[in-house]
């Protein structure tokens, strides 16, 4: 059993990365091999709409034809039994780097036909989000709609997707240094100290359950 975690956050040690690392530990506790990839730092583009992945008889049929630093990550995702797509929420959706990854990863399998199913291999897939919005405000602010849209496409390709949300996160170590007075910084600090460790445990259990 192979699990690939893809970090779409520009930060490699903060909320999203920490959640993904905990999920990897949970999966490893069940005997799975795990790998964590950070997208930021890689040089790549989103889908260039060449359609070579859908060219009948073409050498790239069903696989992205673009060759860049994302290519080995796409190969690893194709071969993995479980894929975690982790991202903070920026402007109501995944980061730009994660969106570009998703374009390349997902579109290669999608076919514009009802005559055959998508070309996606069987695997479990999960969307992992971190956000500073409180859980009770996600739907009220309409942030559930982009998440639902991503899950809908994953369902078309893989039959479904798991969802993990870590909300009301702490964004910076010292809020007083930034123009961020919209937040109750004392409450943020308190929640991070008391609740985030519980989120990490939830993530560990989530990873362990995915590889059962």
Protein backbone atom coordinates (compact mmCIF):
# COMPACT_ATOMS: atom_id res chain seq x y z
CA UNK A 1 0.00 0.00 0.00
CA UNK A 2 1.43 3.35 -1.09
CA UNK A 3 0.19 6.73 0.12
CA UNK A 4 1.21 9.99 -1.53
CA UNK A 5 0.53 13.28 0.26
CA UNK A 6 0.71 16.42 -1.88
CA UNK A 7 1.23 19.70 -0.02
CA UNK A 8 -0.20 22.66 -1.90
CA UNK A 9 0.85 25.16 0.77
CA UNK A 10 3.88 27.43 0.29
CA UNK A 11 4.86 26.64 3.88
CA UNK A 12 6.50 23.31 4.61
CA UNK A 13 6.24 23.27 8.41
CA UNK A 14 2.93 24.94 9.26
CA UNK A 15 -0.72 23.88 9.38
CA UNK A 16 -1.30 22.01 6.12
CA UNK A 17 2.11 20.33 6.10
CA UNK A 18 1.73 19.33 9.76
CA UNK A 19 -1.69 17.80 9.11
CA UNK A 20 -0.36 15.86 6.10
CA UNK A 21 2.68 14.65 8.04
CA UNK A 22 0.40 13.36 10.78
CA UNK A 23 -1.73 11.56 8.20
CA UNK A 24 1.41 9.96 6.78
CA UNK A 25 2.39 8.78 10.26
CA UNK A 26 -1.07 7.29 10.71
CA UNK A 27 -0.83 5.48 7.37
CA UNK A 28 2.67 4.24 8.20
CA UNK A 29 1.38 2.83 11.48
CA UNK A 30 -0.83 0.58 9.36
CA UNK A 31 2.11 -0.62 7.29
CA UNK A 32 1.74 1.70 4.31
CA UNK A 33 4.66 3.30 2.52
CA UNK A 34 4.26 7.08 2.50
CA UNK A 35 5.70 10.05 0.64
CA UNK A 36 5.09 13.77 1.15
CA UNK A 37 5.68 16.11 -1.79
CA UNK A 38 5.77 19.91 -1.53
CA UNK A 39 4.53 21.62 -4.71
CA UNK A 40 6.02 25.02 -3.94
CA UNK A 41 9.60 25.00 -5.18
CA UNK A 42 8.76 22.88 -8.22
CA UNK A 43 8.68 24.51 -11.64
CA UNK A 44 5.58 23.57 -13.60
CA UNK A 45 2.43 24.90 -15.23
CA UNK A 46 -1.20 23.98 -15.16
CA UNK A 47 -2.87 22.17 -18.05
CA UNK A 48 -1.83 23.65 -21.42
CA UNK A 49 -4.88 22.22 -23.21
CA UNK A 50 -2.87 20.21 -25.74
CA UNK A 51 -5.38 17.32 -25.47
CA UNK A 52 -2.66 14.75 -26.10
CA UNK A 53 -3.97 12.81 -23.11
CA UNK A 54 -7.15 12.19 -25.14
CA UNK A 55 -5.61 11.62 -28.58
CA UNK A 56 -6.77 8.19 -29.71
CA UNK A 57 -3.73 6.04 -30.38
CA UNK A 58 -1.40 8.74 -29.10
CA UNK A 59 1.61 7.84 -26.98
CA UNK A 60 0.33 10.03 -24.11
CA UNK A 61 -3.24 8.72 -24.11
CA UNK A 62 -4.51 8.82 -20.55
CA UNK A 63 -1.40 10.54 -19.23
CA UNK A 64 -0.25 14.16 -19.16
CA UNK A 65 2.11 14.87 -22.08
CA UNK A 66 3.74 17.95 -20.54
CA UNK A 67 7.25 17.31 -19.24
CA UNK A 68 8.46 19.44 -16.34
CA UNK A 69 9.20 19.11 -12.63
CA UNK A 70 5.63 17.99 -11.94
CA UNK A 71 6.01 14.91 -14.15
CA UNK A 72 7.51 12.61 -11.46
CA UNK A 73 4.84 13.74 -8.99
CA UNK A 74 2.10 12.85 -11.46
CA UNK A 75 3.73 9.46 -11.95
CA UNK A 76 3.84 8.89 -8.19
CA UNK A 77 0.19 9.94 -7.86
CA UNK A 78 -0.78 7.58 -10.68
CA UNK A 79 0.97 4.66 -8.98
CA UNK A 80 -0.16 5.39 -5.40
CA UNK A 81 -3.05 3.53 -3.80
CA UNK A 82 -4.03 6.58 -1.74
CA UNK A 83 -3.54 10.26 -2.67
CA UNK A 84 -3.99 13.17 -0.27
CA UNK A 85 -4.49 16.61 -1.81
CA UNK A 86 -3.70 19.12 0.91
CA UNK A 87 -4.12 22.87 0.64
CA UNK A 88 -4.92 25.96 2.66
CA UNK A 89 -7.94 27.83 1.36
CA UNK A 90 -7.00 31.00 -0.53
CA UNK A 91 -9.88 33.12 -1.81
CA UNK A 92 -12.43 30.32 -1.38
CA UNK A 93 -10.47 27.56 -3.10
CA UNK A 94 -7.20 25.66 -3.21
CA UNK A 95 -3.91 27.49 -3.76
CA UNK A 96 -2.84 28.22 -7.32
CA UNK A 97 -0.13 25.58 -7.18
CA UNK A 98 -2.61 22.94 -6.04
CA UNK A 99 -5.14 23.97 -8.68
CA UNK A 100 -2.45 23.62 -11.36
CA UNK A 101 -1.54 20.20 -9.99
CA UNK A 102 -5.19 19.13 -9.97
CA UNK A 103 -5.63 20.28 -13.57
CA UNK A 104 -2.74 18.11 -14.70
CA UNK A 105 -3.52 15.15 -12.44
CA UNK A 106 -7.26 14.94 -13.03
CA UNK A 107 -7.74 16.09 -16.62
CA UNK A 108 -5.48 13.38 -18.03
CA UNK A 109 -8.02 10.75 -16.97
CA UNK A 110 -11.19 12.54 -18.04
CA UNK A 111 -12.83 11.63 -21.36
CA UNK A 112 -15.49 13.61 -23.20
CA UNK A 113 -17.56 10.52 -23.95
CA UNK A 114 -20.28 8.33 -22.47
CA UNK A 115 -19.01 5.26 -24.34
CA UNK A 116 -16.31 4.39 -21.82
CA UNK A 117 -15.42 5.25 -18.23
CA UNK A 118 -12.66 7.67 -17.23
CA UNK A 119 -9.09 6.41 -17.51
CA UNK A 120 -8.33 6.97 -13.83
CA UNK A 121 -6.85 3.97 -11.96
CA UNK A 122 -8.56 2.67 -8.85
CA UNK A 123 -7.37 4.51 -5.74
CA UNK A 124 -8.60 6.25 -2.62
CA UNK A 125 -8.35 10.02 -2.70
CA UNK A 126 -8.90 12.68 -0.06
CA UNK A 127 -9.13 16.45 -0.01
CA UNK A 128 -7.43 18.01 3.00
CA UNK A 129 -8.12 21.68 3.74
CA UNK A 130 -6.85 24.09 6.36
CA UNK A 131 -8.47 27.51 6.79
CA UNK A 132 -8.69 30.31 9.32
CA UNK A 133 -12.49 30.41 9.04
CA UNK A 134 -14.38 28.82 11.92
CA UNK A 135 -16.15 25.57 11.10
CA UNK A 136 -19.61 27.01 11.77
CA UNK A 137 -18.96 29.83 9.27
CA UNK A 138 -17.84 27.71 6.30
CA UNK A 139 -21.30 27.25 4.79
CA UNK A 140 -22.51 30.73 5.76
CA UNK A 141 -19.65 32.25 3.77
CA UNK A 142 -20.25 30.00 0.77
CA UNK A 143 -16.91 28.26 1.15
CA UNK A 144 -18.57 24.85 1.02
CA UNK A 145 -19.43 25.30 -2.69
CA UNK A 146 -15.86 25.21 -4.10
CA UNK A 147 -15.10 22.23 -1.89
CA UNK A 148 -18.22 20.46 -3.17
CA UNK A 149 -17.20 21.20 -6.77
CA UNK A 150 -13.79 19.61 -6.28
CA UNK A 151 -15.35 16.58 -4.61
CA UNK A 152 -17.86 16.23 -7.45
CA UNK A 153 -15.09 15.92 -10.04
CA UNK A 154 -13.18 13.46 -7.90
CA UNK A 155 -16.34 11.38 -7.64
CA UNK A 156 -16.58 11.26 -11.44
CA UNK A 157 -13.03 9.96 -11.69
CA UNK A 158 -12.56 7.83 -8.58
CA UNK A 159 -16.08 7.09 -7.37
CA UNK A 160 -15.82 9.41 -4.40
CA UNK A 161 -13.46 11.25 -2.10
CA UNK A 162 -12.79 11.62 1.58
CA UNK A 163 -12.76 15.08 3.18
CA UNK A 164 -10.74 16.45 6.08
CA UNK A 165 -11.07 20.06 7.25
CA UNK A 166 -8.95 21.79 9.87
CA UNK A 167 -10.62 25.12 10.60
CA UNK A 168 -9.94 28.27 12.63
CA UNK A 169 -6.19 27.87 12.20
CA UNK A 170 -3.43 30.15 13.41
CA UNK A 171 -1.73 31.81 10.45
CA UNK A 172 1.29 33.55 11.99
CA UNK A 173 3.30 33.18 15.17
CA UNK A 174 2.82 36.79 16.30
CA UNK A 175 -0.29 38.59 15.05
CA UNK A 176 0.87 41.91 16.54
CA UNK A 177 3.48 42.26 13.79
CA UNK A 178 0.90 42.28 11.01
CA UNK A 179 -2.22 44.19 9.93
CA UNK A 180 -4.50 41.39 11.11
CA UNK A 181 -6.60 42.93 13.85
CA UNK A 182 -9.80 41.34 12.53
CA UNK A 183 -8.93 38.28 14.58
CA UNK A 184 -9.18 37.61 18.27
CA UNK A 185 -5.50 36.78 18.56
CA UNK A 186 -5.74 35.51 22.13
CA UNK A 187 -8.45 33.08 21.05
CA UNK A 188 -6.33 32.01 18.06
CA UNK A 189 -3.36 31.31 20.31
CA UNK A 190 -5.51 29.42 22.80
CA UNK A 191 -7.16 27.31 20.12
CA UNK A 192 -3.86 26.47 18.47
CA UNK A 193 -2.42 25.32 21.79
CA UNK A 194 -5.47 23.29 22.82
CA UNK A 195 -7.29 22.17 19.67
CA UNK A 196 -4.63 21.87 16.98
CA UNK A 197 -3.01 18.89 18.76
CA UNK A 198 -6.43 17.25 18.59
CA UNK A 199 -6.57 18.06 14.88
CA UNK A 200 -3.22 16.34 14.45
CA UNK A 201 -4.57 13.26 16.22
CA UNK A 202 -7.65 13.34 13.98
CA UNK A 203 -5.28 13.50 11.02
CA UNK A 204 -3.28 10.51 12.32
CA UNK A 205 -6.47 8.47 12.67
CA UNK A 206 -7.66 9.65 9.23
CA UNK A 207 -4.45 8.43 7.60
CA UNK A 208 -4.59 5.11 9.44
CA UNK A 209 -8.19 4.50 8.33
CA UNK A 210 -7.44 5.32 4.70
CA UNK A 211 -4.99 2.45 4.37
CA UNK A 212 -7.06 -0.20 6.14
